């Protein structure tokens, strides 16, 4: 059995609203373990704390109580062992694709020749060969997201954190990117924590689907997908699981 890569132990996160000073509990007593090389999707109602949880894992926010561990070490700040991919791509418009992808290694002080090799390898990995000289304004939505994934991979992270990365793409491009992500994941076997509003996307991609409760978010139900790759959305097992998870989520939206 694969070892536990990431452990979220009884995490609660409370925010204080700027107007009025009211305390809002975004997450309450959240517990989850992610195995090395596992693909886990988080689904739940809007505002249930999915993005907040990713920020806590990334070290961009600190838990109010509880702890998060990566390889047994507490997460207290951002680090290169966690790569984060946003829905809005967050590419630097003044850098070309190669410059964007090389940014992480540059910050880490990697020599120029080595970070260029790393950038080219990651660009090839995500299917952007020949586009390293292009700027974000010259890229389609799918190409921008490929570049964002390449940038996240350039630091060779142990965990890839993805916050609705395909949410702004058209249906055809989204499907293509799902398949590309699966190919990249199967080649690299990074642990992935993936936030999505789409139950179908979650079942298509992941080993496990975690359904979160309405705010404050906690774990409502965890589903083992148990379907071999590649998956067919028309398969009876796929359809049955998708409908079961959809029903579970609907209980939180009433």
C-alpha atoms as a PDB file:
ATOM      1  CA  UNK A   1       0.000   0.000   0.000  1.00  0.00           C
ATOM      2  CA  UNK A   2       1.234   3.507  -0.851  1.00  0.00           C
ATOM      3  CA  UNK A   3       2.377   5.633   2.051  1.00  0.00           C
ATOM      4  CA  UNK A   4       0.542   8.739   3.147  1.00  0.00           C
ATOM      5  CA  UNK A   5       1.989  11.788   1.408  1.00  0.00           C
ATOM      6  CA  UNK A   6      -0.351  14.434   2.783  1.00  0.00           C
ATOM      7  CA  UNK A   7      -2.270  14.422   6.083  1.00  0.00           C
ATOM      8  CA  UNK A   8      -4.908  17.000   7.001  1.00  0.00           C
ATOM      9  CA  UNK A   9      -5.533  16.533  10.722  1.00  0.00           C
ATOM     10  CA  UNK A  10      -8.604  18.111  12.351  1.00  0.00           C
ATOM     11  CA  UNK A  11      -8.185  21.408  10.497  1.00  0.00           C
ATOM     12  CA  UNK A  12     -10.459  24.328  11.305  1.00  0.00           C
ATOM     13  CA  UNK A  13     -10.174  27.711   9.597  1.00  0.00           C
ATOM     14  CA  UNK A  14     -11.950  30.825  10.864  1.00  0.00           C
ATOM     15  CA  UNK A  15     -11.925  34.200   9.135  1.00  0.00           C
ATOM     16  CA  UNK A  16     -12.854  37.552  10.639  1.00  0.00           C
ATOM     17  CA  UNK A  17     -14.900  39.677   8.256  1.00  0.00           C
ATOM     18  CA  UNK A  18     -13.432  43.119   7.536  1.00  0.00           C
ATOM     19  CA  UNK A  19     -16.858  44.700   7.877  1.00  0.00           C
ATOM     20  CA  UNK A  20     -18.334  44.208  11.315  1.00  0.00           C
ATOM     21  CA  UNK A  21     -15.593  41.917  12.617  1.00  0.00           C
ATOM     22  CA  UNK A  22     -17.846  38.840  12.519  1.00  0.00           C
ATOM     23  CA  UNK A  23     -16.118  35.449  12.722  1.00  0.00           C
ATOM     24  CA  UNK A  24     -16.898  33.035   9.889  1.00  0.00           C
ATOM     25  CA  UNK A  25     -15.923  29.367  10.089  1.00  0.00           C
ATOM     26  CA  UNK A  26     -14.874  28.229   6.599  1.00  0.00           C
ATOM     27  CA  UNK A  27     -13.661  24.736   7.552  1.00  0.00           C
ATOM     28  CA  UNK A  28     -14.385  22.716  10.673  1.00  0.00           C
ATOM     29  CA  UNK A  29     -12.564  19.610  11.870  1.00  0.00           C
ATOM     30  CA  UNK A  30     -11.486  18.580   8.363  1.00  0.00           C
ATOM     31  CA  UNK A  31      -9.631  15.255   8.165  1.00  0.00           C
ATOM     32  CA  UNK A  32      -8.143  13.641   5.066  1.00  0.00           C
ATOM     33  CA  UNK A  33      -5.073  11.617   4.107  1.00  0.00           C
ATOM     34  CA  UNK A  34      -3.772  11.537   0.525  1.00  0.00           C
ATOM     35  CA  UNK A  35      -1.465   8.698  -0.513  1.00  0.00           C
ATOM     36  CA  UNK A  36       1.700   9.098  -2.537  1.00  0.00           C
ATOM     37  CA  UNK A  37       0.719   9.225  -6.210  1.00  0.00           C
ATOM     38  CA  UNK A  38      -3.017   9.395  -5.476  1.00  0.00           C
ATOM     39  CA  UNK A  39      -5.468  11.604  -7.400  1.00  0.00           C
ATOM     40  CA  UNK A  40      -8.130  13.052  -5.083  1.00  0.00           C
ATOM     41  CA  UNK A  41     -10.959  15.366  -6.161  1.00  0.00           C
ATOM     42  CA  UNK A  42     -12.830  17.687  -3.807  1.00  0.00           C
ATOM     43  CA  UNK A  43     -16.444  18.532  -4.640  1.00  0.00           C
ATOM     44  CA  UNK A  44     -19.113  20.389  -2.688  1.00  0.00           C
ATOM     45  CA  UNK A  45     -21.421  23.394  -2.673  1.00  0.00           C
ATOM     46  CA  UNK A  46     -20.088  26.839  -3.555  1.00  0.00           C
ATOM     47  CA  UNK A  47     -18.535  28.472  -0.510  1.00  0.00           C
ATOM     48  CA  UNK A  48     -17.887  25.218   1.351  1.00  0.00           C
ATOM     49  CA  UNK A  49     -14.164  25.905   1.723  1.00  0.00           C
ATOM     50  CA  UNK A  50     -12.603  23.923  -1.125  1.00  0.00           C
ATOM     51  CA  UNK A  51     -10.325  26.755  -2.243  1.00  0.00           C
ATOM     52  CA  UNK A  52      -9.550  27.667   1.360  1.00  0.00           C
ATOM     53  CA  UNK A  53      -8.380  24.105   1.943  1.00  0.00           C
ATOM     54  CA  UNK A  54      -6.057  24.262  -1.073  1.00  0.00           C
ATOM     55  CA  UNK A  55      -4.602  27.538   0.223  1.00  0.00           C
ATOM     56  CA  UNK A  56      -3.960  25.915   3.600  1.00  0.00           C
ATOM     57  CA  UNK A  57      -2.180  22.972   1.955  1.00  0.00           C
ATOM     58  CA  UNK A  58      -0.186  25.407  -0.182  1.00  0.00           C
ATOM     59  CA  UNK A  59       0.831  27.355   2.925  1.00  0.00           C
ATOM     60  CA  UNK A  60      -0.802  30.559   1.698  1.00  0.00           C
ATOM     61  CA  UNK A  61      -3.123  30.523   4.723  1.00  0.00           C
ATOM     62  CA  UNK A  62      -2.643  29.136   8.224  1.00  0.00           C
ATOM     63  CA  UNK A  63      -5.155  26.899   9.991  1.00  0.00           C
ATOM     64  CA  UNK A  64      -6.903  28.295  13.068  1.00  0.00           C
ATOM     65  CA  UNK A  65      -6.520  24.866  14.653  1.00  0.00           C
ATOM     66  CA  UNK A  66      -5.349  21.441  13.544  1.00  0.00           C
ATOM     67  CA  UNK A  67      -2.340  20.631  11.383  1.00  0.00           C
ATOM     68  CA  UNK A  68      -1.333  19.719   7.844  1.00  0.00           C
ATOM     69  CA  UNK A  69       1.634  17.423   7.236  1.00  0.00           C
ATOM     70  CA  UNK A  70       3.568  16.697   4.054  1.00  0.00           C
ATOM     71  CA  UNK A  71       5.869  13.692   4.328  1.00  0.00           C
ATOM     72  CA  UNK A  72       5.456  13.911   8.090  1.00  0.00           C
ATOM     73  CA  UNK A  73       6.559  17.549   8.312  1.00  0.00           C
ATOM     74  CA  UNK A  74       4.125  20.322   9.277  1.00  0.00           C
ATOM     75  CA  UNK A  75       3.138  22.750   6.545  1.00  0.00           C
ATOM     76  CA  UNK A  76       3.785  26.292   7.813  1.00  0.00           C
ATOM     77  CA  UNK A  77       4.570  28.287   4.659  1.00  0.00           C
ATOM     78  CA  UNK A  78       4.612  28.001   0.853  1.00  0.00           C
ATOM     79  CA  UNK A  79       7.264  25.699  -0.597  1.00  0.00           C
ATOM     80  CA  UNK A  80       8.408  24.228  -3.919  1.00  0.00           C
ATOM     81  CA  UNK A  81       7.236  20.760  -2.903  1.00  0.00           C
ATOM     82  CA  UNK A  82       3.671  21.955  -3.540  1.00  0.00           C
ATOM     83  CA  UNK A  83       2.679  23.185  -7.000  1.00  0.00           C
ATOM     84  CA  UNK A  84      -0.484  25.275  -7.354  1.00  0.00           C
ATOM     85  CA  UNK A  85      -2.556  25.700 -10.537  1.00  0.00           C
ATOM     86  CA  UNK A  86      -5.334  28.315 -10.602  1.00  0.00           C
ATOM     87  CA  UNK A  87      -8.462  28.583 -12.743  1.00  0.00           C
ATOM     88  CA  UNK A  88      -7.383  31.968 -14.136  1.00  0.00           C
ATOM     89  CA  UNK A  89      -3.933  30.677 -15.209  1.00  0.00           C
ATOM     90  CA  UNK A  90      -2.070  33.498 -13.333  1.00  0.00           C
ATOM     91  CA  UNK A  91       0.678  33.687 -15.967  1.00  0.00           C
ATOM     92  CA  UNK A  92       2.984  36.690 -16.069  1.00  0.00           C
ATOM     93  CA  UNK A  93       1.974  38.602 -19.236  1.00  0.00           C
ATOM     94  CA  UNK A  94       5.461  40.104 -19.643  1.00  0.00           C
ATOM     95  CA  UNK A  95       7.143  36.679 -19.779  1.00  0.00           C
ATOM     96  CA  UNK A  96       6.926  34.168 -22.598  1.00  0.00           C
ATOM     97  CA  UNK A  97       5.970  30.570 -21.900  1.00  0.00           C
ATOM     98  CA  UNK A  98       9.572  29.546 -21.216  1.00  0.00           C
ATOM     99  CA  UNK A  99      10.036  32.493 -18.866  1.00  0.00           C
ATOM    100  CA  UNK A 100       6.841  31.666 -16.994  1.00  0.00           C
ATOM    101  CA  UNK A 101       7.745  28.011 -16.590  1.00  0.00           C
ATOM    102  CA  UNK A 102      11.310  28.832 -15.534  1.00  0.00           C
ATOM    103  CA  UNK A 103      10.137  31.284 -12.876  1.00  0.00           C
ATOM    104  CA  UNK A 104      10.005  28.787  -9.990  1.00  0.00           C
ATOM    105  CA  UNK A 105      13.499  27.387 -10.566  1.00  0.00           C
ATOM    106  CA  UNK A 106      14.728  30.974 -10.971  1.00  0.00           C
ATOM    107  CA  UNK A 107      13.340  31.914  -7.545  1.00  0.00           C
ATOM    108  CA  UNK A 108      15.060  28.845  -6.095  1.00  0.00           C
ATOM    109  CA  UNK A 109      18.382  30.048  -7.488  1.00  0.00           C
ATOM    110  CA  UNK A 110      18.785  27.277 -10.058  1.00  0.00           C
ATOM    111  CA  UNK A 111      21.488  28.170 -12.636  1.00  0.00           C
ATOM    112  CA  UNK A 112      20.158  29.595 -15.904  1.00  0.00           C
ATOM    113  CA  UNK A 113      21.157  26.671 -18.128  1.00  0.00           C
ATOM    114  CA  UNK A 114      19.573  24.122 -15.791  1.00  0.00           C
ATOM    115  CA  UNK A 115      16.316  26.024 -15.373  1.00  0.00           C
ATOM    116  CA  UNK A 116      16.072  26.427 -19.144  1.00  0.00           C
ATOM    117  CA  UNK A 117      16.434  22.655 -19.557  1.00  0.00           C
ATOM    118  CA  UNK A 118      13.782  22.115 -16.894  1.00  0.00           C
ATOM    119  CA  UNK A 119      11.424  24.591 -18.548  1.00  0.00           C
ATOM    120  CA  UNK A 120      11.827  22.952 -21.963  1.00  0.00           C
ATOM    121  CA  UNK A 121      11.233  19.488 -20.499  1.00  0.00           C
ATOM    122  CA  UNK A 122       8.049  20.610 -18.725  1.00  0.00           C
ATOM    123  CA  UNK A 123       6.830  22.481 -21.808  1.00  0.00           C
ATOM    124  CA  UNK A 124       7.301  19.315 -23.874  1.00  0.00           C
ATOM    125  CA  UNK A 125       5.565  17.264 -21.176  1.00  0.00           C
ATOM    126  CA  UNK A 126       2.367  19.316 -21.374  1.00  0.00           C
ATOM    127  CA  UNK A 127       2.300  19.308 -25.173  1.00  0.00           C
ATOM    128  CA  UNK A 128       3.481  22.870 -25.827  1.00  0.00           C
ATOM    129  CA  UNK A 129       6.620  22.020 -27.803  1.00  0.00           C
ATOM    130  CA  UNK A 130       7.454  24.889 -30.145  1.00  0.00           C
ATOM    131  CA  UNK A 131       5.448  27.442 -28.144  1.00  0.00           C
ATOM    132  CA  UNK A 132       8.054  28.443 -25.579  1.00  0.00           C
ATOM    133  CA  UNK A 133       8.594  31.816 -27.267  1.00  0.00           C
ATOM    134  CA  UNK A 134       4.927  32.794 -27.183  1.00  0.00           C
ATOM    135  CA  UNK A 135       3.437  35.226 -24.685  1.00  0.00           C
ATOM    136  CA  UNK A 136       0.177  34.573 -22.761  1.00  0.00           C
ATOM    137  CA  UNK A 137      -1.719  37.005 -25.005  1.00  0.00           C
ATOM    138  CA  UNK A 138      -0.859  34.761 -27.969  1.00  0.00           C
ATOM    139  CA  UNK A 139      -2.188  31.570 -26.345  1.00  0.00           C
ATOM    140  CA  UNK A 140      -5.619  29.953 -26.343  1.00  0.00           C
ATOM    141  CA  UNK A 141      -7.251  29.111 -23.012  1.00  0.00           C
ATOM    142  CA  UNK A 142      -6.129  25.494 -23.232  1.00  0.00           C
ATOM    143  CA  UNK A 143      -2.562  26.512 -24.049  1.00  0.00           C
ATOM    144  CA  UNK A 144      -2.503  28.937 -21.122  1.00  0.00           C
ATOM    145  CA  UNK A 145      -3.583  26.176 -18.768  1.00  0.00           C
ATOM    146  CA  UNK A 146      -0.948  23.817 -20.175  1.00  0.00           C
ATOM    147  CA  UNK A 147       1.640  26.521 -19.495  1.00  0.00           C
ATOM    148  CA  UNK A 148       0.314  26.953 -15.955  1.00  0.00           C
ATOM    149  CA  UNK A 149       0.602  23.202 -15.331  1.00  0.00           C
ATOM    150  CA  UNK A 150       4.129  23.187 -16.770  1.00  0.00           C
ATOM    151  CA  UNK A 151       5.062  26.034 -14.421  1.00  0.00           C
ATOM    152  CA  UNK A 152       3.691  24.110 -11.435  1.00  0.00           C
ATOM    153  CA  UNK A 153       5.665  21.013 -12.461  1.00  0.00           C
ATOM    154  CA  UNK A 154       8.955  22.870 -12.974  1.00  0.00           C
ATOM    155  CA  UNK A 155       9.841  22.719  -9.267  1.00  0.00           C
ATOM    156  CA  UNK A 156       9.226  18.951  -9.258  1.00  0.00           C
ATOM    157  CA  UNK A 157       6.560  19.217  -6.537  1.00  0.00           C
ATOM    158  CA  UNK A 158       5.499  16.271  -4.423  1.00  0.00           C
ATOM    159  CA  UNK A 159       1.854  17.401  -4.512  1.00  0.00           C
ATOM    160  CA  UNK A 160       0.010  19.180  -7.323  1.00  0.00           C
ATOM    161  CA  UNK A 161      -2.828  21.414  -6.081  1.00  0.00           C
ATOM    162  CA  UNK A 162      -5.384  22.375  -8.726  1.00  0.00           C
ATOM    163  CA  UNK A 163      -8.196  24.861  -8.108  1.00  0.00           C
ATOM    164  CA  UNK A 164     -10.865  24.343 -10.799  1.00  0.00           C
ATOM    165  CA  UNK A 165      -8.164  24.545 -13.461  1.00  0.00           C
ATOM    166  CA  UNK A 166     -10.487  23.751 -16.363  1.00  0.00           C
ATOM    167  CA  UNK A 167     -13.540  25.683 -15.177  1.00  0.00           C
ATOM    168  CA  UNK A 168     -13.145  28.547 -17.656  1.00  0.00           C
ATOM    169  CA  UNK A 169     -12.503  26.361 -20.712  1.00  0.00           C
ATOM    170  CA  UNK A 170     -15.037  25.364 -23.372  1.00  0.00           C
ATOM    171  CA  UNK A 171     -16.371  21.798 -23.212  1.00  0.00           C
ATOM    172  CA  UNK A 172     -14.146  20.377 -25.942  1.00  0.00           C
ATOM    173  CA  UNK A 173     -10.955  21.960 -24.598  1.00  0.00           C
ATOM    174  CA  UNK A 174     -11.882  20.904 -21.073  1.00  0.00           C
ATOM    175  CA  UNK A 175     -12.220  17.279 -22.170  1.00  0.00           C
ATOM    176  CA  UNK A 176      -8.866  17.442 -23.943  1.00  0.00           C
ATOM    177  CA  UNK A 177      -7.196  18.936 -20.886  1.00  0.00           C
ATOM    178  CA  UNK A 178      -8.664  16.263 -18.622  1.00  0.00           C
ATOM    179  CA  UNK A 179      -7.055  13.601 -20.793  1.00  0.00           C
ATOM    180  CA  UNK A 180      -3.772  15.530 -20.923  1.00  0.00           C
ATOM    181  CA  UNK A 181      -3.740  15.856 -17.138  1.00  0.00           C
ATOM    182  CA  UNK A 182      -4.324  12.119 -16.735  1.00  0.00           C
ATOM    183  CA  UNK A 183      -1.435  11.420 -19.103  1.00  0.00           C
ATOM    184  CA  UNK A 184       0.871  13.750 -17.176  1.00  0.00           C
ATOM    185  CA  UNK A 185      -0.217  12.280 -13.832  1.00  0.00           C
ATOM    186  CA  UNK A 186       0.266   8.702 -15.017  1.00  0.00           C
ATOM    187  CA  UNK A 187       3.732   9.602 -16.309  1.00  0.00           C
ATOM    188  CA  UNK A 188       4.809  11.353 -13.095  1.00  0.00           C
ATOM    189  CA  UNK A 189       2.597   9.855 -10.363  1.00  0.00           C
ATOM    190  CA  UNK A 190       2.483  13.019  -8.314  1.00  0.00           C
ATOM    191  CA  UNK A 191      -0.156  13.228  -5.614  1.00  0.00           C
ATOM    192  CA  UNK A 192      -2.935  15.501  -6.917  1.00  0.00           C
ATOM    193  CA  UNK A 193      -5.598  17.382  -4.963  1.00  0.00           C
ATOM    194  CA  UNK A 194      -8.080  18.749  -7.493  1.00  0.00           C
ATOM    195  CA  UNK A 195     -11.016  21.068  -6.758  1.00  0.00           C
ATOM    196  CA  UNK A 196     -13.988  20.982  -9.140  1.00  0.00           C
ATOM    197  CA  UNK A 197     -17.701  21.762  -9.229  1.00  0.00           C
ATOM    198  CA  UNK A 198     -18.224  18.982 -11.787  1.00  0.00           C
ATOM    199  CA  UNK A 199     -19.028  15.539 -10.367  1.00  0.00           C
ATOM    200  CA  UNK A 200     -18.504  14.050 -13.825  1.00  0.00           C
ATOM    201  CA  UNK A 201     -15.006  15.538 -14.007  1.00  0.00           C
ATOM    202  CA  UNK A 202     -14.223  14.219 -10.523  1.00  0.00           C
ATOM    203  CA  UNK A 203     -15.297  10.674 -11.375  1.00  0.00           C
ATOM    204  CA  UNK A 204     -13.458  10.796 -14.706  1.00  0.00           C
ATOM    205  CA  UNK A 205     -10.154  11.872 -13.174  1.00  0.00           C
ATOM    206  CA  UNK A 206      -9.727  10.661  -9.636  1.00  0.00           C
ATOM    207  CA  UNK A 207      -8.998   7.642  -7.472  1.00  0.00           C
ATOM    208  CA  UNK A 208     -11.216   9.083  -4.736  1.00  0.00           C
ATOM    209  CA  UNK A 209     -13.893  11.767  -4.629  1.00  0.00           C
ATOM    210  CA  UNK A 210     -14.332  13.705  -1.376  1.00  0.00           C
ATOM    211  CA  UNK A 211     -17.749  15.324  -0.944  1.00  0.00           C
ATOM    212  CA  UNK A 212     -17.684  18.318   1.400  1.00  0.00           C
ATOM    213  CA  UNK A 213     -20.561  19.662   3.471  1.00  0.00           C
ATOM    214  CA  UNK A 214     -22.009  23.116   3.074  1.00  0.00           C
ATOM    215  CA  UNK A 215     -20.214  25.845   5.041  1.00  0.00           C
ATOM    216  CA  UNK A 216     -18.475  25.256   7.346  1.00  0.00           C
ATOM    217  CA  UNK A 217     -16.856  22.630   5.172  1.00  0.00           C
ATOM    218  CA  UNK A 218     -15.919  19.221   6.461  1.00  0.00           C
ATOM    219  CA  UNK A 219     -15.839  15.720   4.966  1.00  0.00           C
ATOM    220  CA  UNK A 220     -19.348  14.433   4.298  1.00  0.00           C
ATOM    221  CA  UNK A 221     -18.492  11.295   2.298  1.00  0.00           C
ATOM    222  CA  UNK A 222     -15.492   9.758   0.546  1.00  0.00           C
ATOM    223  CA  UNK A 223     -16.040   7.605  -2.558  1.00  0.00           C
ATOM    224  CA  UNK A 224     -13.482   5.160  -3.952  1.00  0.00           C
ATOM    225  CA  UNK A 225     -13.936   5.386  -7.709  1.00  0.00           C
ATOM    226  CA  UNK A 226     -12.565   1.910  -8.471  1.00  0.00           C
ATOM    227  CA  UNK A 227     -12.799   2.272 -12.275  1.00  0.00           C
ATOM    228  CA  UNK A 228      -9.837   1.455 -14.503  1.00  0.00           C
ATOM    229  CA  UNK A 229      -8.258   4.031 -16.813  1.00  0.00           C
ATOM    230  CA  UNK A 230      -9.077   5.131 -19.466  1.00  0.00           C
ATOM    231  CA  UNK A 231     -12.661   5.711 -18.389  1.00  0.00           C
ATOM    232  CA  UNK A 232     -15.833   5.968 -20.421  1.00  0.00           C
ATOM    233  CA  UNK A 233     -18.501   8.411 -19.314  1.00  0.00           C
ATOM    234  CA  UNK A 234     -21.091   6.051 -20.814  1.00  0.00           C
ATOM    235  CA  UNK A 235     -19.997   3.063 -18.705  1.00  0.00           C
ATOM    236  CA  UNK A 236     -22.757   1.903 -16.353  1.00  0.00           C
ATOM    237  CA  UNK A 237     -20.415   1.955 -13.345  1.00  0.00           C
ATOM    238  CA  UNK A 238     -19.365   5.511 -14.190  1.00  0.00           C
ATOM    239  CA  UNK A 239     -22.957   6.696 -14.571  1.00  0.00           C
ATOM    240  CA  UNK A 240     -24.060   4.978 -11.358  1.00  0.00           C
ATOM    241  CA  UNK A 241     -21.264   6.506  -9.279  1.00  0.00           C
ATOM    242  CA  UNK A 242     -21.774   9.946 -10.811  1.00  0.00           C
ATOM    243  CA  UNK A 243     -25.462   9.861  -9.906  1.00  0.00           C
ATOM    244  CA  UNK A 244     -24.742   8.627  -6.359  1.00  0.00           C
ATOM    245  CA  UNK A 245     -22.259  11.432  -5.712  1.00  0.00           C
ATOM    246  CA  UNK A 246     -24.589  13.990  -7.302  1.00  0.00           C
ATOM    247  CA  UNK A 247     -27.327  12.876  -4.929  1.00  0.00           C
ATOM    248  CA  UNK A 248     -24.969  13.156  -1.963  1.00  0.00           C
ATOM    249  CA  UNK A 249     -24.045  16.715  -2.982  1.00  0.00           C
ATOM    250  CA  UNK A 250     -27.694  17.670  -3.530  1.00  0.00           C
ATOM    251  CA  UNK A 251     -28.406  16.962   0.137  1.00  0.00           C
ATOM    252  CA  UNK A 252     -26.038  19.836   1.006  1.00  0.00           C
ATOM    253  CA  UNK A 253     -27.689  22.274  -1.398  1.00  0.00           C
ATOM    254  CA  UNK A 254     -31.218  22.054   0.005  1.00  0.00           C
END
